[in-house]
Amino acid sequence: MTLVAKTKRMRAAHAVLPSTDAPLPLDEAVAVLKKFPAPKFDQTVEIHVRLGIDPKQADQIIRGSLVLPHGIGKSKRVVVFAKGNLAEDARAAGAEEVGADDLAKKIKEGWTDFDVCIAAPDMMGLVGPLGKVLGPRGLMPSPRAGTVTADIKKTVSEYKAGKVEFRNDPTGIVHAVVGKMSFEQAKLADNIKAFLNHIMGMQPSSVRGQYLKSVSISGTMTPGVRVAG
């Protein structure tokens, strides 16, 4: 029964898509996205950016984070490796769990019920051995992603507000959350534009040829809509 309902919804969604497969201006693409039949929950909106990079080259990895203009409609669960004043800053900023050896032991035993792991620089000797647990889940703190930092209070606050973290996959595509379907059309467009501008500003100097190859946006249960770059 559920399978039939999904098929009907997807058929109705595909009926909303433009007859041409050509990429649409951003505002039009967002308008199409919001016309798709809605399920009974507020869908997450994602962006998928195909880049002309070689993911095997370390200097062409696209990885980072940013705070979108209108957030993403979700507060992330944050854990922090810190001690002393920095630990107090993390708690004040709303981190779900703050610790050192005790937190490392808990994660080593398999606990990963959080979205972001942040570490003070002097904690990386403790965090490093947790790579086997955190790495495959994309949770390993990294200076490049901004999750190894001495500015614990600001970083925790940003993630609690919905800071977006991203990294290209093995095929050179960057996937990221850019909001919720309930967002106003203009706010979704603002978030998407901010994300694309950020990605464009990260173009490695070693990339030859076309850097931005294609862009699409989609909801949790919608087809993708191509966006003109």
Protein backbone atom coordinates (compact mmCIF):
# COMPACT_ATOMS: atom_id res chain seq x y z
CA MET A 1 0.00 0.00 0.00
CA THR A 2 2.78 2.41 0.93
CA LEU A 3 4.69 1.54 -2.24
CA VAL A 4 1.65 2.44 -4.40
CA ALA A 5 1.26 5.77 -2.59
CA LYS A 6 4.91 6.61 -3.21
CA THR A 7 4.56 5.77 -6.89
CA LYS A 8 1.53 8.06 -7.20
CA ARG A 9 3.35 10.89 -5.47
CA MET A 10 6.39 10.52 -7.69
CA ARG A 11 4.24 10.45 -10.80
CA ALA A 12 2.54 13.64 -9.66
CA ALA A 13 5.93 15.17 -8.93
CA HIS A 14 7.30 14.33 -12.37
CA ALA A 15 4.22 15.97 -13.88
CA VAL A 16 5.36 19.25 -12.29
CA LEU A 17 8.79 19.12 -13.91
CA PRO A 18 9.35 21.32 -16.99
CA SER A 19 9.11 19.54 -20.34
CA THR A 20 12.70 20.46 -21.09
CA ASP A 21 15.70 19.09 -19.21
CA ALA A 22 17.51 22.42 -19.50
CA PRO A 23 18.73 23.97 -16.23
CA LEU A 24 16.44 26.65 -14.80
CA PRO A 25 17.30 30.04 -13.30
CA LEU A 26 17.57 29.66 -9.52
CA ASP A 27 14.27 31.36 -8.64
CA GLU A 28 12.36 29.24 -11.18
CA ALA A 29 14.04 26.04 -9.98
CA VAL A 30 13.04 26.75 -6.36
CA ALA A 31 9.48 27.55 -7.49
CA VAL A 32 9.26 24.16 -9.24
CA LEU A 33 10.64 22.41 -6.14
CA LYS A 34 7.95 23.95 -3.94
CA LYS A 35 5.17 22.85 -6.33
CA PHE A 36 5.90 19.15 -5.85
CA PRO A 37 3.25 17.18 -3.89
CA ALA A 38 4.11 17.36 -0.20
CA PRO A 39 4.33 14.38 2.18
CA LYS A 40 3.18 14.72 5.80
CA PHE A 41 6.51 16.06 7.03
CA ASP A 42 8.68 19.08 6.34
CA GLN A 43 11.16 17.86 3.75
CA THR A 44 14.85 18.72 3.88
CA VAL A 45 16.12 20.52 0.80
CA GLU A 46 19.51 19.46 -0.52
CA ILE A 47 21.85 20.79 -3.18
CA HIS A 48 24.06 18.57 -5.34
CA VAL A 49 26.97 20.24 -7.12
CA ARG A 50 29.03 18.31 -9.68
CA LEU A 51 32.53 19.77 -9.92
CA GLY A 52 35.27 19.37 -12.49
CA ILE A 53 37.82 18.26 -9.89
CA ASP A 54 39.95 15.17 -9.54
CA PRO A 55 38.89 13.80 -6.12
CA LYS A 56 42.08 11.71 -5.96
CA GLN A 57 44.22 14.84 -5.82
CA ALA A 58 44.61 16.17 -2.28
CA ASP A 59 44.84 19.77 -3.47
CA GLN A 60 41.50 19.48 -5.28
CA ILE A 61 39.41 18.25 -2.35
CA ILE A 62 36.52 20.62 -1.70
CA ARG A 63 35.77 20.59 1.99
CA GLY A 64 34.56 23.24 4.41
CA SER A 65 31.63 24.72 6.26
CA LEU A 66 29.52 27.86 6.29
CA VAL A 67 26.60 29.45 8.06
CA LEU A 68 23.77 30.00 5.58
CA PRO A 69 21.82 33.29 5.68
CA HIS A 70 18.63 31.63 6.95
CA GLY A 71 20.00 28.51 8.66
CA ILE A 72 18.81 25.03 7.73
CA GLY A 73 15.76 24.69 9.99
CA LYS A 74 17.45 22.21 12.29
CA SER A 75 19.65 22.44 15.37
CA LYS A 76 22.53 19.97 15.31
CA ARG A 77 23.61 17.73 18.18
CA VAL A 78 27.14 18.80 19.11
CA VAL A 79 29.81 17.13 21.23
CA VAL A 80 33.04 18.87 22.20
CA PHE A 81 36.46 17.71 23.32
CA ALA A 82 37.70 20.45 25.62
CA LYS A 83 38.73 21.16 29.18
CA GLY A 84 38.85 24.14 31.53
CA ASN A 85 37.45 27.43 30.27
CA LEU A 86 36.89 26.05 26.77
CA ALA A 87 34.74 23.26 28.20
CA GLU A 88 32.70 25.87 30.06
CA ASP A 89 32.33 27.85 26.81
CA ALA A 90 31.08 24.73 25.01
CA ARG A 91 28.42 24.05 27.67
CA ALA A 92 27.34 27.69 27.67
CA ALA A 93 26.92 27.59 23.89
CA GLY A 94 24.64 24.54 24.12
CA ALA A 95 26.84 21.52 23.35
CA GLU A 96 25.04 18.28 24.20
CA GLU A 97 28.15 16.67 25.69
CA VAL A 98 31.56 18.01 26.66
CA GLY A 99 34.50 15.96 27.90
CA ALA A 100 37.96 14.53 27.41
CA ASP A 101 39.02 10.98 28.36
CA ASP A 102 35.50 10.07 29.43
CA LEU A 103 34.04 11.23 26.11
CA ALA A 104 36.79 9.46 24.15
CA LYS A 105 36.04 6.20 25.98
CA LYS A 106 32.32 6.51 25.24
CA ILE A 107 32.92 7.09 21.51
CA LYS A 108 35.54 4.32 21.33
CA GLU A 109 32.86 1.95 22.64
CA GLY A 110 30.65 2.90 19.68
CA TRP A 111 28.55 5.88 20.78
CA THR A 112 27.97 8.27 17.87
CA ASP A 113 24.57 9.79 18.64
CA PHE A 114 25.53 13.29 17.49
CA ASP A 115 25.87 15.32 14.30
CA VAL A 116 29.08 17.29 14.88
CA CYS A 117 32.27 16.67 16.85
CA ILE A 118 34.38 19.72 17.74
CA ALA A 119 37.79 19.63 19.40
CA ALA A 120 40.09 22.19 20.97
CA PRO A 121 43.58 21.99 19.37
CA ASP A 122 45.17 20.54 22.52
CA MET A 123 42.66 17.67 22.46
CA MET A 124 43.69 16.22 19.07
CA GLY A 125 46.16 13.80 20.66
CA LEU A 126 43.15 12.26 22.42
CA VAL A 127 40.81 12.51 19.43
CA GLY A 128 43.21 11.17 16.79
CA PRO A 129 42.89 7.48 17.80
CA LEU A 130 39.10 7.77 17.40
CA GLY A 131 39.47 8.15 13.63
CA LYS A 132 38.33 4.58 12.99
CA VAL A 133 34.98 5.35 14.63
CA LEU A 134 34.50 8.99 13.61
CA GLY A 135 36.11 9.00 10.15
CA PRO A 136 33.71 6.65 8.31
CA ARG A 137 30.76 8.66 9.69
CA GLY A 138 32.18 12.01 8.61
CA LEU A 139 32.46 13.12 12.23
CA MET A 140 36.24 13.47 12.63
CA PRO A 141 37.23 17.00 13.73
CA SER A 142 39.30 18.81 11.11
CA PRO A 143 41.02 22.22 10.96
CA ARG A 144 39.96 22.50 7.33
CA ALA A 145 36.30 22.04 8.25
CA GLY A 146 36.66 24.44 11.17
CA THR A 147 35.89 21.79 13.79
CA VAL A 148 39.36 21.91 15.36
CA THR A 149 39.36 25.37 16.89
CA ALA A 150 40.19 27.44 19.94
CA ASP A 151 37.06 29.52 19.37
CA ILE A 152 34.81 26.85 20.86
CA LYS A 153 31.94 29.11 21.88
CA LYS A 154 31.47 30.64 18.42
CA THR A 155 31.83 27.32 16.62
CA VAL A 156 29.34 25.49 18.83
CA SER A 157 26.87 28.37 18.48
CA GLU A 158 27.16 28.26 14.69
CA TYR A 159 26.51 24.53 14.51
CA LYS A 160 23.61 24.80 16.93
CA ALA A 161 22.18 27.41 14.56
CA GLY A 162 22.55 25.00 11.64
CA LYS A 163 26.04 25.51 10.20
CA VAL A 164 26.53 23.41 7.05
CA GLU A 165 29.54 21.14 6.67
CA PHE A 166 30.40 19.60 3.29
CA ARG A 167 32.98 17.56 1.42
CA ASN A 168 33.04 16.25 -2.15
CA ASP A 169 32.30 12.55 -2.59
CA PRO A 170 34.55 10.16 -4.58
CA THR A 171 32.84 11.18 -7.84
CA GLY A 172 33.47 14.91 -7.35
CA ILE A 173 29.96 15.84 -6.24
CA VAL A 174 29.30 18.02 -3.20
CA HIS A 175 26.03 17.32 -1.36
CA ALA A 176 24.68 19.64 1.33
CA VAL A 177 21.51 20.62 3.18
CA VAL A 178 20.32 24.14 2.30
CA GLY A 179 17.05 24.40 4.23
CA LYS A 180 13.53 23.04 4.64
CA MET A 181 10.67 22.94 2.15
CA SER A 182 8.65 25.15 4.50
CA PHE A 183 11.11 28.01 4.00
CA GLU A 184 9.87 30.93 1.95
CA GLN A 185 10.95 30.70 -1.68
CA ALA A 186 13.20 33.77 -1.39
CA LYS A 187 14.96 32.40 1.72
CA LEU A 188 15.65 29.06 0.06
CA ALA A 189 17.03 30.87 -2.98
CA ASP A 190 19.24 33.04 -0.71
CA ASN A 191 20.67 29.95 0.99
CA ILE A 192 21.35 28.18 -2.30
CA LYS A 193 22.99 31.27 -3.80
CA ALA A 194 25.20 31.68 -0.71
CA PHE A 195 26.27 28.04 -0.88
CA LEU A 196 27.11 28.21 -4.60
CA ASN A 197 29.06 31.44 -4.15
CA HIS A 198 31.03 29.79 -1.35
CA ILE A 199 31.83 26.75 -3.51
CA MET A 200 32.85 28.93 -6.45
CA GLY A 201 35.23 30.82 -4.18
CA MET A 202 36.97 27.54 -3.30
CA GLN A 203 38.07 26.63 -6.84
CA PRO A 204 41.54 25.05 -6.62
CA SER A 205 44.16 26.71 -8.83
CA SER A 206 45.15 23.29 -10.17
CA VAL A 207 41.71 22.64 -11.72
CA ARG A 208 41.80 22.89 -15.50
CA GLY A 209 38.69 23.33 -17.60
CA GLN A 210 35.15 23.76 -16.31
CA TYR A 211 34.97 23.86 -12.51
CA LEU A 212 31.19 24.00 -11.97
CA LYS A 213 29.66 21.30 -14.14
CA SER A 214 26.08 20.99 -12.92
CA VAL A 215 23.79 21.89 -10.03
CA SER A 216 20.53 20.33 -8.90
CA ILE A 217 18.26 20.74 -5.89
CA SER A 218 15.81 18.25 -4.40
CA GLY A 219 13.60 17.57 -1.43
CA THR A 220 13.72 14.39 0.66
CA MET A 221 11.03 12.79 -1.53
CA THR A 222 11.17 14.75 -4.80
CA PRO A 223 12.93 14.45 -8.13
CA GLY A 224 15.92 16.70 -8.69
CA VAL A 225 15.53 20.08 -10.39
CA ARG A 226 18.48 21.31 -12.44
CA VAL A 227 19.72 24.81 -11.71
CA ALA A 228 21.59 27.04 -14.16
CA GLY A 229 25.10 27.69 -12.82
